[in-house]
Amino acid sequence: MTTPKNSMELVGTAVLVFTIQTSICNGSSLTPLAIGTILMSIVFAGGPISGAHYNPAVSFAVTLRGGELTWAEMTSYWIAQIIGGFIGALIGGFISPTSVVVSMGSDATMAQAIVSEVMYTFVLCLVVLCVATNSKVENNHYYGLAIGLVVLAGAITVGPISGGAFNPAVAFGLSVAGGFANFGYSVVVSVANLVGGAVAAVLFRVVLPEEFGLARGGTVGETTPFNA
C-alpha cells in the first residue's frame, strides 16, 4: 500500500542513491561531502513525515529498539527503500558517463571490508537511536546534522576499504541498476549492515535502558522525528 511515509522513504532513498551514483561517476573529489550533506537535507525534510530512515539497517535498528516501528511497518519501509535505491541508481546512471557499484578496495580483504561496514553502520544506527529516538533530546534541531556527519566520516574513513555503503538500499540499488553487477558482494555488505544495526540496538539498550522499548508521546513524526 502506498502511504505518505512509504512515499517519502522511496523518494528520499532515491535522492540519496542518485547523489552517490552521479558524484562518484563524475569523479568529484568532494563525493563524501556531497553524500553527507544531501543526507542531512533529506533527513530534515523527511523527518516529520516518515522519520527519514532511507536505510533498511536504520529501520531494523529502530524496530529492534521497540516502541517506534512495527515489523510490518519495517517491511513496508524496506520495500520502499529498495525500490527507491534502484530508481535513484537508474536515474544517476542515465545522466552519468558510467555506472558504479559498491566494491571493495583493491588492497582490502573481505574481512576488512565486512568489519568496516559493520562498524560504520553500527555507528550510524547508534547515532540515529540516540539523537532521534531518545526522549532526553526530544525536539532537538541537530539530528539531521549528526546523522549526515556520520556518513561523511564513514565515506572518508572506510569508503576506500569497503565501498562505504552502510545501507543495503545503496548496495542493492546500485547493483541491480548496473545489471546485477557485483551482486554477491552487495549481499555480503547488506548482511553486515543489518548486523551493525542490530548491535546498535543492543548497545542502545545497555546505555539507555530506560528508553528501550519506550513509545514516546506526541504527534507521530512531528515532535519525534523518527517516530513511525
C-alpha atoms as a PDB file:
ATOM      1  CA  MET A   1       0.000   0.000   0.000  1.00  0.00           C
ATOM      2  CA  THR A   2       1.274   3.460  -0.915  1.00  0.00           C
ATOM      3  CA  THR A   3       1.308   5.792   2.077  1.00  0.00           C
ATOM      4  CA  PRO A   4       2.890   9.222   2.631  1.00  0.00           C
ATOM      5  CA  LYS A   5       5.530   7.590   4.829  1.00  0.00           C
ATOM      6  CA  ASN A   6       6.450   4.920   2.305  1.00  0.00           C
ATOM      7  CA  SER A   7       6.469   7.503  -0.478  1.00  0.00           C
ATOM      8  CA  MET A   8       8.847   9.698   1.490  1.00  0.00           C
ATOM      9  CA  GLU A   9      11.138   6.754   2.159  1.00  0.00           C
ATOM     10  CA  LEU A  10      11.165   5.879  -1.536  1.00  0.00           C
ATOM     11  CA  VAL A  11      11.862   9.431  -2.692  1.00  0.00           C
ATOM     12  CA  GLY A  12      14.475  10.137  -0.024  1.00  0.00           C
ATOM     13  CA  THR A  13      16.370   6.924  -0.733  1.00  0.00           C
ATOM     14  CA  ALA A  14      16.226   7.639  -4.464  1.00  0.00           C
ATOM     15  CA  VAL A  15      17.722  11.090  -3.942  1.00  0.00           C
ATOM     16  CA  LEU A  16      20.485   9.648  -1.756  1.00  0.00           C
ATOM     17  CA  VAL A  17      21.458   6.912  -4.235  1.00  0.00           C
ATOM     18  CA  PHE A  18      21.181   9.306  -7.179  1.00  0.00           C
ATOM     19  CA  THR A  19      23.685  11.584  -5.448  1.00  0.00           C
ATOM     20  CA  ILE A  20      26.032   8.681  -4.743  1.00  0.00           C
ATOM     21  CA  GLN A  21      25.856   7.441  -8.342  1.00  0.00           C
ATOM     22  CA  THR A  22      26.385  10.792 -10.024  1.00  0.00           C
ATOM     23  CA  SER A  23      29.039  12.199  -7.692  1.00  0.00           C
ATOM     24  CA  ILE A  24      31.205   9.066  -7.963  1.00  0.00           C
ATOM     25  CA  CYS A  25      30.716   8.679 -11.727  1.00  0.00           C
ATOM     26  CA  ASN A  26      31.669  12.289 -12.350  1.00  0.00           C
ATOM     27  CA  GLY A  27      34.899  11.829 -10.415  1.00  0.00           C
ATOM     28  CA  SER A  28      34.266  14.504  -7.831  1.00  0.00           C
ATOM     29  CA  SER A  29      36.845  14.728  -5.053  1.00  0.00           C
ATOM     30  CA  LEU A  30      34.046  16.043  -2.836  1.00  0.00           C
ATOM     31  CA  THR A  31      31.890  12.921  -3.145  1.00  0.00           C
ATOM     32  CA  PRO A  32      31.812  12.207   0.632  1.00  0.00           C
ATOM     33  CA  LEU A  33      30.750  15.798   1.284  1.00  0.00           C
ATOM     34  CA  ALA A  34      28.022  15.614  -1.360  1.00  0.00           C
ATOM     35  CA  ILE A  35      26.645  12.391   0.138  1.00  0.00           C
ATOM     36  CA  GLY A  36      26.784  13.608   3.734  1.00  0.00           C
ATOM     37  CA  THR A  37      25.164  16.957   3.019  1.00  0.00           C
ATOM     38  CA  ILE A  38      22.343  15.578   0.851  1.00  0.00           C
ATOM     39  CA  LEU A  39      21.615  13.066   3.601  1.00  0.00           C
ATOM     40  CA  MET A  40      21.416  15.884   6.156  1.00  0.00           C
ATOM     41  CA  SER A  41      18.987  17.765   3.923  1.00  0.00           C
ATOM     42  CA  ILE A  42      16.648  14.879   3.180  1.00  0.00           C
ATOM     43  CA  VAL A  43      16.675  13.748   6.824  1.00  0.00           C
ATOM     44  CA  PHE A  44      15.486  17.184   7.879  1.00  0.00           C
ATOM     45  CA  ALA A  45      12.953  17.189   5.028  1.00  0.00           C
ATOM     46  CA  GLY A  46      11.532  13.731   5.659  1.00  0.00           C
ATOM     47  CA  GLY A  47      11.856  13.522   9.421  1.00  0.00           C
ATOM     48  CA  PRO A  48       8.396  14.973  10.121  1.00  0.00           C
ATOM     49  CA  ILE A  49       6.817  12.666   7.520  1.00  0.00           C
ATOM     50  CA  SER A  50       8.328   9.185   7.702  1.00  0.00           C
ATOM     51  CA  GLY A  51      11.144   9.516  10.190  1.00  0.00           C
ATOM     52  CA  ALA A  52      13.604   9.720   7.267  1.00  0.00           C
ATOM     53  CA  HIS A  53      15.312   6.362   7.624  1.00  0.00           C
ATOM     54  CA  TYR A  54      16.249   5.842   3.935  1.00  0.00           C
ATOM     55  CA  ASN A  55      18.156   2.766   5.047  1.00  0.00           C
ATOM     56  CA  PRO A  56      16.918  -0.763   5.878  1.00  0.00           C
ATOM     57  CA  ALA A  57      19.598  -1.106   8.566  1.00  0.00           C
ATOM     58  CA  VAL A  58      18.301   2.013  10.314  1.00  0.00           C
ATOM     59  CA  SER A  59      14.715   0.773  10.102  1.00  0.00           C
ATOM     60  CA  PHE A  60      15.871  -2.591  11.504  1.00  0.00           C
ATOM     61  CA  ALA A  61      17.630  -0.902  14.450  1.00  0.00           C
ATOM     62  CA  VAL A  62      14.618   1.316  15.159  1.00  0.00           C
ATOM     63  CA  THR A  63      12.323  -1.718  15.089  1.00  0.00           C
ATOM     64  CA  LEU A  64      14.576  -3.685  17.452  1.00  0.00           C
ATOM     65  CA  ARG A  65      14.626  -0.671  19.756  1.00  0.00           C
ATOM     66  CA  GLY A  66      10.898  -1.161  20.274  1.00  0.00           C
ATOM     67  CA  GLY A  67       8.079   1.323  20.635  1.00  0.00           C
ATOM     68  CA  GLU A  68       8.771   3.104  17.350  1.00  0.00           C
ATOM     69  CA  LEU A  69       8.168   0.840  14.354  1.00  0.00           C
ATOM     70  CA  THR A  70       6.301  -2.446  13.982  1.00  0.00           C
ATOM     71  CA  TRP A  71       7.721  -5.347  11.978  1.00  0.00           C
ATOM     72  CA  ALA A  72       5.024  -4.860   9.336  1.00  0.00           C
ATOM     73  CA  GLU A  73       5.880  -1.161   9.037  1.00  0.00           C
ATOM     74  CA  MET A  74       9.568  -2.023   8.829  1.00  0.00           C
ATOM     75  CA  THR A  75       8.875  -4.397   5.955  1.00  0.00           C
ATOM     76  CA  SER A  76       6.959  -1.733   4.033  1.00  0.00           C
ATOM     77  CA  TYR A  77       9.823   0.704   4.648  1.00  0.00           C
ATOM     78  CA  TRP A  78      12.326  -1.837   3.362  1.00  0.00           C
ATOM     79  CA  ILE A  79      10.364  -2.330   0.151  1.00  0.00           C
ATOM     80  CA  ALA A  80      10.096   1.421  -0.428  1.00  0.00           C
ATOM     81  CA  GLN A  81      13.796   1.930   0.319  1.00  0.00           C
ATOM     82  CA  ILE A  82      14.986  -0.829  -2.024  1.00  0.00           C
ATOM     83  CA  ILE A  83      12.754   0.417  -4.844  1.00  0.00           C
ATOM     84  CA  GLY A  84      13.905   3.981  -4.202  1.00  0.00           C
ATOM     85  CA  GLY A  85      17.554   2.940  -4.293  1.00  0.00           C
ATOM     86  CA  PHE A  86      17.016   1.214  -7.638  1.00  0.00           C
ATOM     87  CA  ILE A  87      15.224   4.236  -9.123  1.00  0.00           C
ATOM     88  CA  GLY A  88      17.895   6.640  -7.900  1.00  0.00           C
ATOM     89  CA  ALA A  89      20.659   4.465  -9.330  1.00  0.00           C
ATOM     90  CA  LEU A  90      18.849   4.193 -12.685  1.00  0.00           C
ATOM     91  CA  ILE A  91      18.428   7.957 -12.997  1.00  0.00           C
ATOM     92  CA  GLY A  92      22.005   8.573 -11.888  1.00  0.00           C
ATOM     93  CA  GLY A  93      23.301   6.027 -14.377  1.00  0.00           C
ATOM     94  CA  PHE A  94      21.289   7.644 -17.164  1.00  0.00           C
ATOM     95  CA  ILE A  95      22.850  11.090 -16.741  1.00  0.00           C
ATOM     96  CA  SER A  96      26.353   9.904 -15.819  1.00  0.00           C
ATOM     97  CA  PRO A  97      29.021   8.620 -18.194  1.00  0.00           C
ATOM     98  CA  THR A  98      29.285   5.293 -16.361  1.00  0.00           C
ATOM     99  CA  SER A  99      27.606   3.340 -13.569  1.00  0.00           C
ATOM    100  CA  VAL A 100      29.127   2.330 -10.255  1.00  0.00           C
ATOM    101  CA  VAL A 101      28.514  -0.458  -7.765  1.00  0.00           C
ATOM    102  CA  VAL A 102      29.654  -0.940  -4.193  1.00  0.00           C
ATOM    103  CA  SER A 103      33.043  -2.662  -4.321  1.00  0.00           C
ATOM    104  CA  MET A 104      35.947  -3.494  -2.037  1.00  0.00           C
ATOM    105  CA  GLY A 105      39.139  -1.509  -2.269  1.00  0.00           C
ATOM    106  CA  SER A 106      41.823  -3.174  -4.361  1.00  0.00           C
ATOM    107  CA  ASP A 107      44.119  -3.609  -1.353  1.00  0.00           C
ATOM    108  CA  ALA A 108      41.401  -4.665   1.113  1.00  0.00           C
ATOM    109  CA  THR A 109      40.484  -8.150   2.266  1.00  0.00           C
ATOM    110  CA  MET A 110      36.919  -9.385   2.587  1.00  0.00           C
ATOM    111  CA  ALA A 111      37.283  -9.466   6.378  1.00  0.00           C
ATOM    112  CA  GLN A 112      38.436  -5.839   6.454  1.00  0.00           C
ATOM    113  CA  ALA A 113      35.539  -4.787   4.232  1.00  0.00           C
ATOM    114  CA  ILE A 114      32.949  -6.611   6.339  1.00  0.00           C
ATOM    115  CA  VAL A 115      34.256  -5.189   9.611  1.00  0.00           C
ATOM    116  CA  SER A 116      34.301  -1.694   8.077  1.00  0.00           C
ATOM    117  CA  GLU A 117      30.658  -1.991   7.007  1.00  0.00           C
ATOM    118  CA  VAL A 118      29.561  -3.400  10.369  1.00  0.00           C
ATOM    119  CA  MET A 119      31.463  -0.725  12.268  1.00  0.00           C
ATOM    120  CA  TYR A 120      30.172   2.353  10.485  1.00  0.00           C
ATOM    121  CA  THR A 121      26.623   1.040  10.108  1.00  0.00           C
ATOM    122  CA  PHE A 122      26.702   0.412  13.851  1.00  0.00           C
ATOM    123  CA  VAL A 123      27.856   3.988  14.483  1.00  0.00           C
ATOM    124  CA  LEU A 124      25.231   5.376  12.101  1.00  0.00           C
ATOM    125  CA  CYS A 125      22.385   3.420  13.686  1.00  0.00           C
ATOM    126  CA  LEU A 126      23.525   4.187  17.224  1.00  0.00           C
ATOM    127  CA  VAL A 127      23.616   7.898  16.432  1.00  0.00           C
ATOM    128  CA  VAL A 128      20.121   7.670  14.923  1.00  0.00           C
ATOM    129  CA  LEU A 129      18.780   5.923  18.023  1.00  0.00           C
ATOM    130  CA  CYS A 130      20.468   8.344  20.412  1.00  0.00           C
ATOM    131  CA  VAL A 131      19.613  11.626  18.691  1.00  0.00           C
ATOM    132  CA  ALA A 132      16.264  10.777  17.115  1.00  0.00           C
ATOM    133  CA  THR A 133      14.547   8.245  19.407  1.00  0.00           C
ATOM    134  CA  ASN A 134      15.779   9.442  22.789  1.00  0.00           C
ATOM    135  CA  SER A 135      13.246  11.372  24.874  1.00  0.00           C
ATOM    136  CA  LYS A 136      16.082  13.192  26.650  1.00  0.00           C
ATOM    137  CA  VAL A 137      16.863  15.084  23.450  1.00  0.00           C
ATOM    138  CA  GLU A 138      13.371  15.182  22.002  1.00  0.00           C
ATOM    139  CA  ASN A 139      12.666  18.099  19.640  1.00  0.00           C
ATOM    140  CA  ASN A 140      16.376  18.726  19.082  1.00  0.00           C
ATOM    141  CA  HIS A 141      17.341  20.550  15.899  1.00  0.00           C
ATOM    142  CA  TYR A 142      20.638  18.792  15.198  1.00  0.00           C
ATOM    143  CA  TYR A 143      19.575  15.214  14.488  1.00  0.00           C
ATOM    144  CA  GLY A 144      19.967  15.553  10.712  1.00  0.00           C
ATOM    145  CA  LEU A 145      23.393  17.120  11.085  1.00  0.00           C
ATOM    146  CA  ALA A 146      24.600  14.342  13.369  1.00  0.00           C
ATOM    147  CA  ILE A 147      23.361  11.613  11.021  1.00  0.00           C
ATOM    148  CA  GLY A 148      24.803  13.179   7.876  1.00  0.00           C
ATOM    149  CA  LEU A 149      28.183  13.730   9.503  1.00  0.00           C
ATOM    150  CA  VAL A 150      28.470  10.032  10.389  1.00  0.00           C
ATOM    151  CA  VAL A 151      28.044   9.075   6.743  1.00  0.00           C
ATOM    152  CA  LEU A 152      30.518  11.769   5.693  1.00  0.00           C
ATOM    153  CA  ALA A 153      33.102  10.460   8.162  1.00  0.00           C
ATOM    154  CA  GLY A 154      32.466   6.856   7.146  1.00  0.00           C
ATOM    155  CA  ALA A 155      32.825   7.583   3.435  1.00  0.00           C
ATOM    156  CA  ILE A 156      36.173   9.264   4.042  1.00  0.00           C
ATOM    157  CA  THR A 157      37.443   6.719   6.555  1.00  0.00           C
ATOM    158  CA  VAL A 158      36.460   3.292   5.246  1.00  0.00           C
ATOM    159  CA  GLY A 159      34.988   4.059   1.827  1.00  0.00           C
ATOM    160  CA  PRO A 160      38.276   3.080   0.147  1.00  0.00           C
ATOM    161  CA  ILE A 161      38.191  -0.244   2.042  1.00  0.00           C
ATOM    162  CA  SER A 162      34.590  -1.478   1.779  1.00  0.00           C
ATOM    163  CA  GLY A 163      32.963   0.876  -0.704  1.00  0.00           C
ATOM    164  CA  GLY A 164      31.248   2.752   2.116  1.00  0.00           C
ATOM    165  CA  ALA A 165      27.642   1.637   1.635  1.00  0.00           C
ATOM    166  CA  PHE A 166      26.393   1.408   5.248  1.00  0.00           C
ATOM    167  CA  ASN A 167      22.998   0.872   3.648  1.00  0.00           C
ATOM    168  CA  PRO A 168      21.510  -2.194   1.900  1.00  0.00           C
ATOM    169  CA  ALA A 169      19.357   0.042  -0.322  1.00  0.00           C
ATOM    170  CA  VAL A 170      22.533   1.637  -1.662  1.00  0.00           C
ATOM    171  CA  ALA A 171      24.270  -1.700  -2.237  1.00  0.00           C
ATOM    172  CA  PHE A 172      21.298  -3.393  -3.898  1.00  0.00           C
ATOM    173  CA  GLY A 173      20.106  -0.328  -5.797  1.00  0.00           C
ATOM    174  CA  LEU A 174      23.461   0.265  -7.483  1.00  0.00           C
ATOM    175  CA  SER A 175      23.986  -3.433  -8.192  1.00  0.00           C
ATOM    176  CA  VAL A 176      20.559  -4.127  -9.705  1.00  0.00           C
ATOM    177  CA  ALA A 177      20.615  -0.935 -11.784  1.00  0.00           C
ATOM    178  CA  GLY A 178      24.026  -1.995 -13.047  1.00  0.00           C
ATOM    179  CA  GLY A 179      22.734  -5.326 -14.318  1.00  0.00           C
ATOM    180  CA  PHE A 180      23.311  -7.175 -11.020  1.00  0.00           C
ATOM    181  CA  ALA A 181      26.997  -6.317 -11.143  1.00  0.00           C
ATOM    182  CA  ASN A 182      28.903  -7.406  -8.021  1.00  0.00           C
ATOM    183  CA  PHE A 183      25.610  -8.667  -6.602  1.00  0.00           C
ATOM    184  CA  GLY A 184      27.246 -11.230  -4.304  1.00  0.00           C
ATOM    185  CA  TYR A 185      29.262  -8.525  -2.582  1.00  0.00           C
ATOM    186  CA  SER A 186      26.102  -6.426  -2.239  1.00  0.00           C
ATOM    187  CA  VAL A 187      24.500  -9.291  -0.330  1.00  0.00           C
ATOM    188  CA  VAL A 188      27.542  -9.562   1.970  1.00  0.00           C
ATOM    189  CA  VAL A 189      27.500  -5.805   2.577  1.00  0.00           C
ATOM    190  CA  SER A 190      23.770  -5.815   3.302  1.00  0.00           C
ATOM    191  CA  VAL A 191      24.105  -8.583   5.884  1.00  0.00           C
ATOM    192  CA  ALA A 192      26.971  -6.682   7.508  1.00  0.00           C
ATOM    193  CA  ASN A 193      24.813  -3.548   7.606  1.00  0.00           C
ATOM    194  CA  LEU A 194      21.954  -5.374   9.321  1.00  0.00           C
ATOM    195  CA  VAL A 195      24.388  -6.832  11.864  1.00  0.00           C
ATOM    196  CA  GLY A 196      25.647  -3.323  12.581  1.00  0.00           C
ATOM    197  CA  GLY A 197      22.079  -2.126  13.095  1.00  0.00           C
ATOM    198  CA  ALA A 198      21.332  -4.987  15.476  1.00  0.00           C
ATOM    199  CA  VAL A 199      24.457  -4.298  17.525  1.00  0.00           C
ATOM    200  CA  ALA A 200      23.477  -0.637  17.746  1.00  0.00           C
ATOM    201  CA  ALA A 201      20.052  -1.584  19.137  1.00  0.00           C
ATOM    202  CA  VAL A 202      21.698  -3.818  21.748  1.00  0.00           C
ATOM    203  CA  LEU A 203      24.094  -1.080  22.840  1.00  0.00           C
ATOM    204  CA  PHE A 204      21.254   1.435  22.955  1.00  0.00           C
ATOM    205  CA  ARG A 205      19.561  -0.848  25.478  1.00  0.00           C
ATOM    206  CA  VAL A 206      22.789  -1.008  27.512  1.00  0.00           C
ATOM    207  CA  VAL A 207      23.440   2.739  27.648  1.00  0.00           C
ATOM    208  CA  LEU A 208      19.823   3.927  27.778  1.00  0.00           C
ATOM    209  CA  PRO A 209      17.829   1.061  29.315  1.00  0.00           C
ATOM    210  CA  GLU A 210      15.035   3.376  30.402  1.00  0.00           C
ATOM    211  CA  GLU A 211      14.445   4.349  26.741  1.00  0.00           C
ATOM    212  CA  PHE A 212      14.487   0.857  25.252  1.00  0.00           C
ATOM    213  CA  GLY A 213      11.015  -0.135  24.099  1.00  0.00           C
ATOM    214  CA  LEU A 214       9.576   3.196  25.193  1.00  0.00           C
ATOM    215  CA  ALA A 215       6.936   4.604  22.896  1.00  0.00           C
ATOM    216  CA  ARG A 216       7.216   8.364  23.166  1.00  0.00           C
ATOM    217  CA  GLY A 217       4.209  10.657  23.206  1.00  0.00           C
ATOM    218  CA  GLY A 218       3.431  13.480  20.836  1.00  0.00           C
ATOM    219  CA  THR A 219       2.226  13.643  17.288  1.00  0.00           C
ATOM    220  CA  VAL A 220       3.786  10.867  15.271  1.00  0.00           C
ATOM    221  CA  GLY A 221       6.530  12.161  13.001  1.00  0.00           C
ATOM    222  CA  GLU A 222       6.223  15.771  14.146  1.00  0.00           C
ATOM    223  CA  THR A 223       7.637  16.236  17.621  1.00  0.00           C
ATOM    224  CA  THR A 224       9.525  12.939  17.384  1.00  0.00           C
ATOM    225  CA  PRO A 225      11.350  12.888  14.026  1.00  0.00           C
ATOM    226  CA  PHE A 226      11.978   9.157  13.767  1.00  0.00           C
ATOM    227  CA  ASN A 227       8.616   8.006  15.051  1.00  0.00           C
ATOM    228  CA  ALA A 228       6.682   5.762  12.776  1.00  0.00           C
END
